[in-house]
Amino acid sequence: MMKASGKLKGSQKARASAARLASVQALYQMAGNEQTAVSAVREYIDFRLGQPVEGQEMVTPDKELFSKIVSGVEERRGDLDHMIAATLGEKKEVERLLHCILLAGAYELMARPDVDAPVIISDYLHVTDAFYDQGEKKLVNAVLDKIAANVRDR
């Protein structure tokens, strides 16, 4: 959404962070409703992104990044699930929202070599903080750090 003045709300960094949070929310919705990425992306762009929440103005998410994450996770779901399961080891099962955070983070680590891994991981740790206590944040950090080490040259 745009302000009346036509300006996007938030810095580029804040807009990327907002896109990551929205992508996790959309992935969670898709998993629960068996919704396609095309449908979820359209719904979020048309009705949700940048809308006030409880009367509070929100940062305008980067719509292009949001779309790429949601669509990319759908396209590469098998590879991502395999990578996450291999990284989790014996703890292979995690609840749906946590899995959506890991999917989005793993996708970006694979598909966005132009963005430093610590930047991506940090944003997904902030997303995790929005929903969970410390234990889940440690798990997300460990899994995404290991995936980054496996998919990127360090």
Protein backbone atom coordinates (compact mmCIF):
# COMPACT_ATOMS: atom_id res chain seq x y z
CA MET A 1 0.00 0.00 0.00
CA MET A 2 1.04 3.57 -0.46
CA LYS A 3 0.45 6.61 1.67
CA ALA A 4 -1.74 9.32 0.24
CA SER A 5 1.46 11.10 -0.80
CA GLY A 6 2.40 8.04 -2.89
CA LYS A 7 5.47 7.22 -0.81
CA LEU A 8 6.18 3.73 0.44
CA LYS A 9 6.27 3.37 4.21
CA GLY A 10 9.59 2.26 5.73
CA SER A 11 13.21 1.96 4.67
CA GLN A 12 14.21 -0.70 2.14
CA LYS A 13 15.55 -2.83 5.01
CA ALA A 14 12.28 -2.48 6.95
CA ARG A 15 10.30 -3.25 3.79
CA ALA A 16 12.36 -6.43 3.22
CA SER A 17 11.82 -7.49 6.84
CA ALA A 18 8.08 -6.88 6.50
CA ALA A 19 8.04 -8.95 3.29
CA ARG A 20 9.71 -11.85 5.11
CA LEU A 21 7.15 -11.75 7.91
CA ALA A 22 4.27 -11.58 5.42
CA SER A 23 5.73 -14.46 3.40
CA VAL A 24 5.76 -16.69 6.48
CA GLN A 25 2.16 -15.73 7.21
CA ALA A 26 1.15 -16.50 3.61
CA LEU A 27 2.99 -19.84 3.64
CA TYR A 28 1.23 -20.77 6.87
CA GLN A 29 -2.13 -19.84 5.34
CA MET A 30 -1.32 -21.83 2.19
CA ALA A 31 -0.45 -24.91 4.25
CA GLY A 32 -3.69 -24.72 6.22
CA ASN A 33 -5.96 -24.00 3.27
CA GLU A 34 -4.18 -25.92 0.50
CA GLN A 35 -3.94 -22.59 -1.30
CA THR A 36 -1.60 -21.98 -4.24
CA ALA A 37 1.15 -19.38 -4.21
CA VAL A 38 -0.54 -17.44 -7.02
CA SER A 39 -3.76 -17.19 -5.02
CA ALA A 40 -2.04 -16.29 -1.73
CA VAL A 41 0.22 -13.67 -3.33
CA ARG A 42 -2.75 -12.03 -5.08
CA GLU A 43 -4.79 -12.00 -1.84
CA TYR A 44 -1.96 -10.50 0.19
CA ILE A 45 -1.08 -7.86 -2.39
CA ASP A 46 -4.72 -6.88 -2.93
CA PHE A 47 -5.96 -6.94 0.66
CA ARG A 48 -3.27 -7.34 3.33
CA LEU A 49 0.19 -5.93 2.66
CA GLY A 50 0.76 -2.56 4.27
CA GLN A 51 -2.76 -2.30 5.68
CA PRO A 52 -3.18 -0.82 9.15
CA VAL A 53 -3.42 -3.40 11.94
CA GLU A 54 -5.64 -2.40 14.86
CA GLY A 55 -5.45 1.19 13.65
CA GLN A 56 -1.64 1.15 13.53
CA GLU A 57 0.15 2.11 10.30
CA MET A 58 2.41 -0.66 9.04
CA VAL A 59 5.61 -0.73 7.00
CA THR A 60 4.90 -1.37 3.32
CA PRO A 61 6.35 -4.83 2.56
CA ASP A 62 8.53 -5.22 -0.53
CA LYS A 63 5.92 -6.85 -2.77
CA GLU A 64 8.46 -8.23 -5.23
CA LEU A 65 10.45 -9.94 -2.47
CA PHE A 66 7.25 -11.23 -0.86
CA SER A 67 6.08 -12.70 -4.18
CA LYS A 68 9.46 -14.30 -4.90
CA ILE A 69 9.65 -15.97 -1.50
CA VAL A 70 6.11 -17.38 -1.56
CA SER A 71 6.33 -18.54 -5.18
CA GLY A 72 9.87 -19.82 -4.77
CA VAL A 73 8.97 -21.92 -1.74
CA GLU A 74 6.09 -23.48 -3.67
CA GLU A 75 8.31 -24.21 -6.70
CA ARG A 76 11.18 -25.72 -4.69
CA ARG A 77 9.18 -27.25 -1.85
CA GLY A 78 10.55 -30.77 -2.28
CA ASP A 79 14.19 -29.64 -2.19
CA LEU A 80 13.52 -27.33 0.75
CA ASP A 81 11.69 -29.99 2.77
CA HIS A 82 14.52 -32.45 2.15
CA MET A 83 17.17 -29.90 3.16
CA ILE A 84 15.30 -28.94 6.34
CA ALA A 85 14.67 -32.56 7.34
CA ALA A 86 18.33 -33.45 6.78
CA THR A 87 19.41 -30.49 8.88
CA LEU A 88 16.95 -31.24 11.69
CA GLY A 89 18.19 -34.84 11.90
CA GLU A 90 16.33 -36.86 14.53
CA LYS A 91 13.99 -33.96 15.34
CA LYS A 92 12.53 -34.13 11.81
CA GLU A 93 9.04 -32.97 12.83
CA VAL A 94 8.37 -29.35 13.73
CA GLU A 95 5.02 -27.61 13.95
CA ARG A 96 3.60 -25.90 10.86
CA LEU A 97 4.44 -22.25 11.62
CA LEU A 98 8.02 -23.08 12.55
CA HIS A 99 8.31 -25.14 9.37
CA CYS A 100 7.06 -22.16 7.32
CA ILE A 101 9.75 -19.94 8.87
CA LEU A 102 12.40 -22.54 7.98
CA LEU A 103 11.04 -22.92 4.43
CA ALA A 104 11.16 -19.19 3.74
CA GLY A 105 14.61 -18.80 5.28
CA ALA A 106 16.05 -21.82 3.48
CA TYR A 107 14.60 -20.64 0.18
CA GLU A 108 16.19 -17.23 0.51
CA LEU A 109 19.54 -18.70 1.49
CA MET A 110 19.44 -20.83 -1.67
CA ALA A 111 17.96 -18.33 -4.09
CA ARG A 112 19.32 -14.97 -2.95
CA PRO A 113 23.12 -15.09 -3.05
CA ASP A 114 23.06 -11.29 -3.46
CA VAL A 115 21.96 -10.94 0.19
CA ASP A 116 24.38 -11.84 2.97
CA ALA A 117 23.32 -14.96 4.88
CA PRO A 118 23.51 -13.22 8.29
CA VAL A 119 21.02 -10.59 7.07
CA ILE A 120 18.54 -13.27 5.98
CA ILE A 121 19.02 -15.34 9.13
CA SER A 122 18.65 -12.28 11.37
CA ASP A 123 15.34 -11.32 9.77
CA TYR A 124 13.94 -14.82 10.21
CA LEU A 125 15.06 -14.79 13.84
CA HIS A 126 13.01 -11.60 14.26
CA VAL A 127 10.05 -13.33 12.61
CA THR A 128 10.51 -16.25 15.02
CA ASP A 129 10.59 -13.82 17.96
CA ALA A 130 7.18 -12.53 16.90
CA PHE A 131 5.63 -15.96 17.47
CA TYR A 132 7.83 -18.01 19.81
CA ASP A 133 9.98 -18.15 22.92
CA GLN A 134 13.76 -18.48 22.95
CA GLY A 135 13.94 -22.24 22.28
CA GLU A 136 12.45 -21.98 18.81
CA LYS A 137 14.69 -19.03 17.95
CA LYS A 138 17.77 -21.14 18.78
CA LEU A 139 16.46 -23.94 16.57
CA VAL A 140 15.78 -21.59 13.64
CA ASN A 141 19.24 -20.04 14.02
CA ALA A 142 20.96 -23.44 14.09
CA VAL A 143 19.02 -24.84 11.13
CA LEU A 144 19.38 -21.76 8.91
CA ASP A 145 23.05 -21.36 9.80
CA LYS A 146 23.73 -24.98 8.82
CA ILE A 147 21.75 -24.60 5.59
CA ALA A 148 23.69 -21.42 4.78
CA ALA A 149 26.96 -23.29 5.30
CA ASN A 150 25.78 -26.02 2.93
CA VAL A 151 24.40 -23.84 0.12
CA ARG A 152 26.82 -20.91 0.11
CA ASP A 153 30.52 -20.47 -0.22
CA ARG A 154 31.77 -18.94 2.98
